Amino acid sequence: MASYLFHGGKFLDPRRTELTDGVELLVEGDRVKEVADTPIRTSAATRIDLRGRTVMPGLIDAHVHVFLSEVNLSLLESVPPSLLTVRATVALRAMLMRGFTTVRDTGGGDYGIKLAAEQGLMPSPRLFVAGHSISQTGGHGDLRRKTQGRGPVEDCGCCAGLDVLSRIADGVPEMIHAVRDELRKGADLIKLMVSGGVASPSDPLESLQFRRDEIEAAVEEATNWGSYVAAHAYSAEAIRRAVGSGVRTIEHGNLIDADAARLMVERGAYIVPTLVTYDAMRRRGERFGLSEYSRQKNEIVLEAGLRSLQLCREAGVAIGFGTDLLGQLRDDQSREFLVRAEAMPADEIIRSATLVNAEILQRAGQLGELVPGALADLIVVDGDPLRDLGLFQNQGAQLSAIMKGGRFYKNRLAA
């Protein structure tokens, strides 16, 4: 069993607003064994000299889509799932090299790709997956053309790339079946589409999707399984309906208002903003085939993004960290730190990408912090990220080491 002793640098505890000097960190196997502000005595561990760098928990992105390899989702109609899988392995490695040691796939990622990551068949972050997201007919996950009848987003999931993203359920019995089926297939959470979206071709952004009894049925089934429901939602009314029906995490939430934010606090719900995706779609979406209709919707949510963060912070909503970047835009993943910095201090942003996201994943104490018994997921940063979020940019260039589960995936430190 490999063991490593990190010493000589600074330690980032996401519960604090400043780095700590003189902390030593002992990793044994896949876990953190000891953290101390005095020298740790060990004869077996390989000593790793941080030389003034910062060791901190690995980053967590709570909203990715590893199989959605095109900005223009309609292009996936001609992409076989086998090709999507290969593309996903490339995308996952790039996420890991940016310092994201855990990601939550909120639609498309399944038990198979998660198992491949767990078995070490590819360099990858830890994966938590929602399987197929669930949409009503004509909802955000129904990507059929207006001239198309039955086709993609049915139950087959074997013919075209779009089939991996979502499935349709209308009414309580279909919802119960869909939730139970996704949990049967290994989903860690259930993802519902409860409002219109940017990338979908036909649904208005402000539309309300699923009735309350449908949402409540999904929540009950997920809760019975020990899981939870995440909901794609933009408008304040969609957020109120979802949270009032028991939804645990709101994805995006750009058009939230103060009343909806207060309700989220009362119900203990989390929000996972994904501001960088709108920034990236404004700058590069047209180049990669994003439709004019989607670009118009994108402008609405882009302009409201920072205000939504301010409202949530003022109300005390627990704020997670997500990116939601599609295809060619994924290389902007770490830019989310810079976009948020216009409305949040650096320590809060890092806390969102570590501690808060660990809570969202139901893995508090295991992920998102470096404490005895936690998984040894960590990164070593060339500087102080609390003072310079730019250190997370450039595809991980300022990361000297990346470790997941006690195994180095990058290491340019002297032993």
Protein backbone atom coordinates (compact mmCIF):
# COMPACT_ATOMS: atom_id res chain seq x y z
CA MET A 1 0.00 0.00 0.00
CA ALA A 2 1.55 3.28 -1.15
CA SER A 3 1.84 6.13 1.32
CA TYR A 4 2.92 9.76 0.90
CA LEU A 5 3.77 12.53 3.33
CA PHE A 6 3.20 16.06 1.97
CA HIS A 7 5.18 18.73 3.80
CA GLY A 8 6.84 22.12 3.40
CA GLY A 9 3.97 24.00 1.79
CA LYS A 10 0.65 25.65 2.53
CA PHE A 11 -2.63 23.92 3.28
CA LEU A 12 -6.04 25.03 1.99
CA ASP A 13 -8.92 24.11 4.26
CA PRO A 14 -12.09 25.20 2.40
CA ARG A 15 -13.74 26.00 5.73
CA ARG A 16 -11.23 28.83 6.25
CA THR A 17 -10.54 32.08 4.43
CA GLU A 18 -6.73 31.91 4.62
CA LEU A 19 -4.09 29.29 3.91
CA THR A 20 -2.33 27.55 6.79
CA ASP A 21 1.43 27.11 7.05
CA GLY A 22 3.23 24.17 8.56
CA VAL A 23 0.54 21.54 8.01
CA GLU A 24 1.66 18.01 7.09
CA LEU A 25 -0.59 15.55 5.31
CA LEU A 26 -0.20 11.77 5.34
CA VAL A 27 -1.89 9.64 2.68
CA GLU A 28 -2.06 5.86 3.05
CA GLY A 29 -3.67 3.82 0.31
CA ASP A 30 -6.68 5.69 -1.03
CA ARG A 31 -7.35 7.67 2.16
CA VAL A 32 -6.07 10.60 4.16
CA LYS A 33 -4.50 9.06 7.24
CA GLU A 34 -3.43 12.12 9.24
CA VAL A 35 -3.36 15.92 9.06
CA ALA A 36 -1.27 17.77 11.64
CA ASP A 37 0.37 21.12 12.32
CA THR A 38 3.35 19.30 13.86
CA PRO A 39 5.71 16.86 12.12
CA ILE A 40 4.12 13.48 11.36
CA ARG A 41 6.36 10.54 12.20
CA THR A 42 6.42 7.85 9.53
CA SER A 43 9.17 5.70 8.09
CA ALA A 44 7.24 4.08 5.26
CA ALA A 45 5.84 7.10 3.45
CA THR A 46 7.43 8.75 0.42
CA ARG A 47 8.09 12.36 1.39
CA ILE A 48 6.74 14.98 -1.02
CA ASP A 49 8.25 18.45 -0.69
CA LEU A 50 5.69 21.09 -1.63
CA ARG A 51 8.32 23.87 -1.73
CA GLY A 52 5.90 26.68 -0.93
CA ARG A 53 3.02 25.39 -3.03
CA THR A 54 -0.54 24.84 -1.81
CA VAL A 55 -2.15 21.45 -1.23
CA MET A 56 -5.95 21.44 -1.29
CA PRO A 57 -8.90 19.11 -1.91
CA GLY A 58 -9.56 18.05 -5.48
CA LEU A 59 -12.20 20.14 -7.25
CA ILE A 60 -15.77 18.93 -7.85
CA ASP A 61 -17.94 19.93 -10.81
CA ALA A 62 -21.57 19.12 -10.03
CA HIS A 63 -22.97 19.68 -13.52
CA VAL A 64 -21.32 18.13 -16.56
CA HIS A 65 -22.47 16.09 -19.56
CA VAL A 66 -19.67 13.76 -20.56
CA PHE A 67 -21.47 12.31 -23.59
CA LEU A 68 -22.75 15.57 -25.09
CA SER A 69 -19.83 16.14 -27.43
CA GLU A 70 -21.47 18.78 -29.67
CA VAL A 71 -22.64 22.29 -28.88
CA ASN A 72 -25.34 21.81 -31.51
CA LEU A 73 -27.08 18.80 -29.99
CA SER A 74 -28.90 17.95 -33.22
CA LEU A 75 -25.57 16.81 -34.66
CA LEU A 76 -25.60 13.91 -32.21
CA GLU A 77 -28.37 12.29 -34.24
CA SER A 78 -25.70 10.86 -36.54
CA VAL A 79 -23.15 9.93 -33.85
CA PRO A 80 -23.18 6.32 -32.58
CA PRO A 81 -22.90 5.80 -28.80
CA SER A 82 -19.60 3.94 -29.30
CA LEU A 83 -18.02 7.12 -30.69
CA LEU A 84 -19.61 9.18 -27.92
CA THR A 85 -17.97 6.87 -25.38
CA VAL A 86 -14.52 7.36 -26.86
CA ARG A 87 -15.04 11.12 -26.95
CA ALA A 88 -16.20 10.97 -23.32
CA THR A 89 -12.97 9.30 -22.22
CA VAL A 90 -10.99 12.17 -23.78
CA ALA A 91 -13.22 14.75 -22.09
CA LEU A 92 -12.96 13.05 -18.70
CA ARG A 93 -9.18 12.94 -18.81
CA ALA A 94 -9.10 16.65 -19.61
CA MET A 95 -11.38 17.39 -16.64
CA LEU A 96 -9.10 15.42 -14.34
CA MET A 97 -6.05 17.29 -15.63
CA ARG A 98 -7.80 20.58 -14.77
CA GLY A 99 -7.95 19.40 -11.15
CA PHE A 100 -11.53 18.14 -11.10
CA THR A 101 -11.19 14.83 -9.26
CA THR A 102 -14.97 14.36 -9.07
CA VAL A 103 -17.77 15.28 -11.47
CA ARG A 104 -21.54 14.74 -11.45
CA ASP A 105 -23.05 13.98 -14.84
CA THR A 106 -26.57 15.38 -14.90
CA GLY A 107 -27.87 13.66 -18.00
CA GLY A 108 -26.36 11.06 -20.31
CA GLY A 109 -23.63 9.52 -18.18
CA ASP A 110 -24.53 5.99 -17.12
CA TYR A 111 -23.36 3.11 -14.94
CA GLY A 112 -21.07 1.79 -17.68
CA ILE A 113 -18.89 4.90 -17.96
CA LYS A 114 -18.92 5.23 -14.16
CA LEU A 115 -17.75 1.64 -13.79
CA ALA A 116 -14.97 2.19 -16.34
CA ALA A 117 -13.73 5.10 -14.22
CA GLU A 118 -13.95 3.08 -11.00
CA GLN A 119 -12.02 0.20 -12.54
CA GLY A 120 -9.26 2.51 -13.70
CA LEU A 121 -9.74 1.70 -17.38
CA MET A 122 -9.16 5.38 -18.20
CA PRO A 123 -7.89 8.48 -16.42
CA SER A 124 -11.07 10.04 -15.09
CA PRO A 125 -12.58 11.94 -12.21
CA ARG A 126 -14.90 10.07 -9.88
CA LEU A 127 -18.26 9.93 -11.58
CA PHE A 128 -21.74 10.35 -10.15
CA VAL A 129 -24.37 9.85 -12.84
CA ALA A 130 -28.03 10.67 -13.41
CA GLY A 131 -28.51 8.27 -16.33
CA HIS A 132 -31.18 9.59 -18.67
CA SER A 133 -32.66 12.90 -17.60
CA ILE A 134 -36.47 12.82 -17.58
CA SER A 135 -38.49 15.25 -19.69
CA GLN A 136 -42.15 15.71 -20.47
CA THR A 137 -43.24 15.59 -24.08
CA GLY A 138 -42.13 18.86 -25.65
CA GLY A 139 -39.92 19.65 -22.69
CA HIS A 140 -36.27 20.60 -22.43
CA GLY A 141 -35.15 17.01 -22.92
CA ASP A 142 -37.37 16.37 -25.94
CA LEU A 143 -34.99 17.20 -28.78
CA ARG A 144 -37.13 15.91 -31.65
CA ARG A 145 -37.77 18.21 -34.57
CA LYS A 146 -41.28 19.63 -34.93
CA THR A 147 -41.78 17.42 -37.98
CA GLN A 148 -40.67 14.29 -36.19
CA GLY A 149 -42.89 11.78 -34.44
CA ARG A 150 -41.53 8.97 -32.35
CA GLY A 151 -37.75 8.79 -32.57
CA PRO A 152 -34.82 9.80 -30.36
CA VAL A 153 -35.45 10.09 -26.61
CA GLU A 154 -37.39 6.83 -26.63
CA ASP A 155 -36.28 3.79 -24.63
CA CYS A 156 -33.88 2.23 -27.12
CA GLY A 157 -30.69 4.11 -26.29
CA CYS A 158 -28.66 2.12 -28.82
CA CYS A 159 -28.82 3.85 -32.16
CA ALA A 160 -28.02 7.56 -32.06
CA GLY A 161 -26.16 9.91 -29.77
CA LEU A 162 -29.25 11.83 -28.74
CA ASP A 163 -30.70 8.69 -27.17
CA VAL A 164 -28.22 8.82 -24.29
CA LEU A 165 -29.43 12.20 -23.00
CA SER A 166 -33.04 11.87 -21.95
CA ARG A 167 -36.29 9.94 -21.88
CA ILE A 168 -39.88 11.11 -21.88
CA ALA A 169 -42.45 10.51 -19.14
CA ASP A 170 -45.96 11.96 -19.06
CA GLY A 171 -48.20 11.50 -16.03
CA VAL A 172 -47.56 9.96 -12.63
CA PRO A 173 -47.44 6.27 -13.67
CA GLU A 174 -44.88 6.96 -16.41
CA MET A 175 -42.86 9.11 -14.04
CA ILE A 176 -42.77 6.37 -11.40
CA HIS A 177 -41.67 3.85 -14.01
CA ALA A 178 -38.98 6.15 -15.43
CA VAL A 179 -37.48 6.96 -12.01
CA ARG A 180 -37.47 3.34 -10.88
CA ASP A 181 -35.91 2.29 -14.16
CA GLU A 182 -33.09 4.84 -14.02
CA LEU A 183 -32.32 3.85 -10.42
CA ARG A 184 -32.37 0.19 -11.45
CA LYS A 185 -29.79 0.97 -14.11
CA GLY A 186 -27.41 2.52 -11.59
CA ALA A 187 -28.27 6.23 -11.48
CA ASP A 188 -26.95 8.05 -8.41
CA LEU A 189 -29.62 10.74 -8.72
CA ILE A 190 -32.67 11.60 -10.81
CA LYS A 191 -32.63 14.62 -13.12
CA LEU A 192 -35.91 16.29 -14.11
CA MET A 193 -36.48 19.04 -16.65
CA VAL A 194 -38.99 21.40 -15.02
CA SER A 195 -38.58 24.48 -17.23
CA GLY A 196 -37.54 25.47 -20.71
CA GLY A 197 -33.88 25.63 -21.62
CA VAL A 198 -31.34 27.25 -23.89
CA ALA A 199 -30.13 24.36 -26.03
CA SER A 200 -33.53 22.75 -26.69
CA PRO A 201 -35.11 23.58 -30.04
CA SER A 202 -38.74 24.37 -29.30
CA ASP A 203 -39.65 25.02 -25.65
CA PRO A 204 -39.97 28.60 -24.38
CA LEU A 205 -37.46 29.47 -21.66
CA GLU A 206 -40.22 30.50 -19.23
CA SER A 207 -42.35 27.39 -19.74
CA LEU A 208 -43.31 25.30 -16.69
CA GLN A 209 -42.76 21.60 -17.22
CA PHE A 210 -44.22 18.66 -15.27
CA ARG A 211 -47.16 19.00 -12.92
CA ARG A 212 -46.58 19.07 -9.20
CA ASP A 213 -47.90 15.54 -8.76
CA GLU A 214 -45.42 14.28 -11.36
CA ILE A 215 -42.51 16.01 -9.59
CA GLU A 216 -43.69 14.76 -6.19
CA ALA A 217 -43.89 11.21 -7.54
CA ALA A 218 -40.28 11.42 -8.74
CA VAL A 219 -39.12 12.78 -5.38
CA GLU A 220 -40.91 10.05 -3.45
CA GLU A 221 -39.42 7.27 -5.57
CA ALA A 222 -35.91 8.71 -5.41
CA THR A 223 -36.17 9.24 -1.65
CA ASN A 224 -37.36 5.67 -1.18
CA TRP A 225 -34.13 4.57 -2.88
CA GLY A 226 -31.94 6.80 -0.69
CA SER A 227 -31.34 9.13 -3.62
CA TYR A 228 -32.61 12.59 -4.58
CA VAL A 229 -33.92 14.70 -7.45
CA ALA A 230 -32.08 17.48 -9.26
CA ALA A 231 -34.13 19.80 -11.46
CA HIS A 232 -33.16 21.89 -14.46
CA ALA A 233 -35.01 25.15 -13.76
CA TYR A 234 -34.62 28.78 -14.78
CA SER A 235 -37.71 30.77 -13.79
CA ALA A 236 -38.61 31.64 -10.22
CA GLU A 237 -41.97 29.89 -10.57
CA ALA A 238 -40.36 26.70 -11.86
CA ILE A 239 -37.94 26.79 -8.93
CA ARG A 240 -40.77 27.28 -6.42
CA ARG A 241 -42.76 24.39 -7.88
CA ALA A 242 -39.75 22.07 -7.85
CA VAL A 243 -38.47 22.94 -4.37
CA GLY A 244 -41.99 22.96 -2.96
CA SER A 245 -42.38 19.43 -4.33
CA GLY A 246 -39.22 18.20 -2.60
CA VAL A 247 -36.51 18.67 -5.25
CA ARG A 248 -33.10 18.83 -3.56
CA THR A 249 -30.92 20.66 -6.11
CA ILE A 250 -31.81 23.35 -8.62
CA GLU A 251 -29.58 23.39 -11.69
CA HIS A 252 -28.93 26.83 -13.23
CA GLY A 253 -31.62 28.97 -11.54
CA ASN A 254 -30.66 32.16 -13.37
CA LEU A 255 -34.13 33.77 -13.15
CA ILE A 256 -34.63 33.12 -9.43
CA ASP A 257 -36.26 35.79 -7.27
CA ALA A 258 -35.99 36.57 -3.56
CA ASP A 259 -39.09 34.57 -2.62
CA ALA A 260 -37.82 31.46 -4.40
CA ALA A 261 -34.42 31.87 -2.77
CA ARG A 262 -36.01 32.07 0.69
CA LEU A 263 -38.03 28.93 -0.04
CA MET A 264 -34.84 27.11 -0.99
CA VAL A 265 -33.31 28.03 2.35
CA GLU A 266 -36.43 26.89 4.22
CA ARG A 267 -36.41 23.53 2.42
CA GLY A 268 -32.63 23.02 2.63
CA ALA A 269 -32.28 22.95 -1.16
CA TYR A 270 -29.06 23.65 -3.06
CA ILE A 271 -28.50 25.67 -6.21
CA VAL A 272 -25.90 24.74 -8.82
CA PRO A 273 -25.25 27.79 -11.04
CA THR A 274 -23.51 27.16 -14.37
CA LEU A 275 -22.63 30.67 -15.47
CA VAL A 276 -19.65 29.85 -17.67
CA THR A 277 -21.74 27.96 -20.19
CA TYR A 278 -23.71 31.10 -21.13
CA ASP A 279 -20.52 33.11 -21.35
CA ALA A 280 -18.98 30.47 -23.60
CA MET A 281 -22.08 30.17 -25.78
CA ARG A 282 -22.15 33.93 -26.32
CA ARG A 283 -18.48 33.95 -27.36
CA ARG A 284 -18.28 30.72 -29.35
CA GLY A 285 -21.73 29.14 -29.70
CA GLU A 286 -22.46 30.39 -33.22
CA ARG A 287 -19.14 29.00 -34.46
CA PHE A 288 -20.18 25.51 -33.37
CA GLY A 289 -23.71 25.59 -34.73
CA LEU A 290 -25.82 26.93 -31.84
CA SER A 291 -29.10 28.09 -33.38
CA GLU A 292 -30.27 31.69 -33.41
CA TYR A 293 -33.25 30.73 -31.21
CA SER A 294 -30.92 29.21 -28.61
CA ARG A 295 -28.58 32.22 -28.76
CA GLN A 296 -31.52 34.54 -28.08
CA LYS A 297 -32.52 32.50 -25.02
CA ASN A 298 -28.90 32.40 -23.94
CA GLU A 299 -28.74 36.21 -23.76
CA ILE A 300 -31.66 36.27 -21.30
CA VAL A 301 -30.10 33.86 -18.81
CA LEU A 302 -26.60 35.26 -19.30
CA GLU A 303 -27.66 38.74 -18.27
CA ALA A 304 -29.42 37.38 -15.16
CA GLY A 305 -26.62 35.07 -14.02
CA LEU A 306 -24.61 37.24 -11.63
CA ARG A 307 -27.79 38.70 -10.14
CA SER A 308 -28.97 35.17 -9.32
CA LEU A 309 -25.75 34.57 -7.38
CA GLN A 310 -26.26 37.78 -5.44
CA LEU A 311 -29.85 36.89 -4.55
CA CYS A 312 -28.85 33.43 -3.39
CA ARG A 313 -25.96 34.73 -1.28
CA GLU A 314 -28.18 37.34 0.36
CA ALA A 315 -30.80 34.72 1.21
CA GLY A 316 -28.25 32.18 2.45
CA VAL A 317 -28.86 29.50 -0.19
CA ALA A 318 -26.17 26.81 -0.30
CA ILE A 319 -24.41 27.39 -3.64
CA GLY A 320 -22.74 24.53 -5.49
CA PHE A 321 -20.41 24.69 -8.49
CA GLY A 322 -21.25 23.50 -12.01
CA THR A 323 -20.32 24.28 -15.59
CA ASP A 324 -22.71 22.49 -18.02
CA LEU A 325 -20.40 23.03 -20.99
CA LEU A 326 -21.15 21.09 -24.16
CA GLY A 327 -18.74 19.66 -26.68
CA GLN A 328 -16.13 22.07 -27.96
CA LEU A 329 -16.81 24.52 -25.10
CA ARG A 330 -15.61 22.19 -22.34
CA ASP A 331 -12.13 23.69 -22.30
CA ASP A 332 -13.71 26.70 -20.56
CA GLN A 333 -14.52 24.56 -17.49
CA SER A 334 -12.17 26.36 -15.08
CA ARG A 335 -13.33 29.75 -16.32
CA GLU A 336 -16.36 29.33 -14.04
CA PHE A 337 -14.09 30.48 -11.20
CA LEU A 338 -13.39 33.78 -12.97
CA VAL A 339 -16.99 34.42 -13.99
CA ARG A 340 -18.20 33.93 -10.42
CA ALA A 341 -15.47 36.16 -9.05
CA GLU A 342 -17.52 39.15 -10.24
CA ALA A 343 -20.12 38.33 -7.57
CA MET A 344 -18.44 36.06 -4.97
CA PRO A 345 -15.16 36.08 -3.02
CA ALA A 346 -12.60 33.42 -3.89
CA ASP A 347 -12.99 31.45 -0.65
CA GLU A 348 -16.74 31.04 -1.24
CA ILE A 349 -16.19 29.91 -4.83
CA ILE A 350 -13.64 27.30 -3.76
CA ARG A 351 -15.98 26.19 -0.95
CA SER A 352 -18.72 25.69 -3.57
CA ALA A 353 -16.39 23.52 -5.66
CA THR A 354 -15.36 21.40 -2.67
CA LEU A 355 -17.38 21.26 0.55
CA VAL A 356 -20.78 22.27 -0.81
CA ASN A 357 -20.56 19.94 -3.79
CA ALA A 358 -19.53 17.07 -1.49
CA GLU A 359 -22.74 17.67 0.45
CA ILE A 360 -24.73 17.69 -2.78
CA LEU A 361 -23.19 14.34 -3.71
CA GLN A 362 -24.08 12.98 -0.25
CA ARG A 363 -20.38 12.43 0.42
CA ALA A 364 -19.60 15.00 3.13
CA GLY A 365 -16.45 14.02 5.01
CA GLN A 366 -15.39 11.75 2.16
CA LEU A 367 -14.89 14.31 -0.60
CA GLY A 368 -14.28 18.05 -0.73
CA GLU A 369 -11.89 18.30 2.21
CA LEU A 370 -8.68 16.71 3.42
CA VAL A 371 -9.46 15.24 6.83
CA PRO A 372 -8.58 11.85 8.34
CA GLY A 373 -10.69 9.15 6.68
CA ALA A 374 -11.50 11.21 3.58
CA LEU A 375 -10.63 9.93 0.14
CA ALA A 376 -7.18 11.09 -0.93
CA ASP A 377 -8.35 13.33 -3.75
CA LEU A 378 -6.10 16.39 -3.85
CA ILE A 379 -4.33 18.89 -6.04
CA VAL A 380 -1.15 20.89 -5.50
CA VAL A 381 -1.36 24.46 -6.81
CA ASP A 382 1.64 26.64 -7.74
CA GLY A 383 0.63 29.59 -5.57
CA ASP A 384 -2.30 30.76 -3.46
CA PRO A 385 -5.66 30.17 -5.19
CA LEU A 386 -7.47 32.18 -2.51
CA ARG A 387 -5.64 35.22 -3.86
CA ASP A 388 -5.48 34.25 -7.53
CA LEU A 389 -8.23 32.14 -9.10
CA GLY A 390 -6.29 32.41 -12.33
CA LEU A 391 -4.15 29.56 -11.02
CA PHE A 392 -6.96 27.18 -12.02
CA GLN A 393 -6.82 28.34 -15.65
CA ASN A 394 -4.76 27.15 -18.65
CA GLN A 395 -5.97 23.55 -18.52
CA GLY A 396 -4.21 22.79 -15.23
CA ALA A 397 -0.82 24.23 -16.14
CA GLN A 398 -0.40 25.66 -12.61
CA LEU A 399 -1.18 22.34 -10.94
CA SER A 400 2.01 20.50 -9.97
CA ALA A 401 0.22 17.38 -8.77
CA ILE A 402 -3.17 15.74 -9.13
CA MET A 403 -4.07 12.74 -6.97
CA LYS A 404 -7.28 10.74 -6.92
CA GLY A 405 -7.79 7.95 -4.43
CA GLY A 406 -4.13 8.01 -3.40
CA ARG A 407 -2.89 7.60 -6.97
CA PHE A 408 -0.96 10.32 -8.78
CA TYR A 409 -2.30 11.23 -12.23
CA LYS A 410 0.15 14.11 -12.48
CA ASN A 411 3.23 14.71 -10.37
CA ARG A 412 6.09 17.06 -11.04
CA LEU A 413 7.08 17.44 -7.38
CA ALA A 414 10.41 16.39 -5.97
CA ALA A 415 10.31 13.49 -3.54
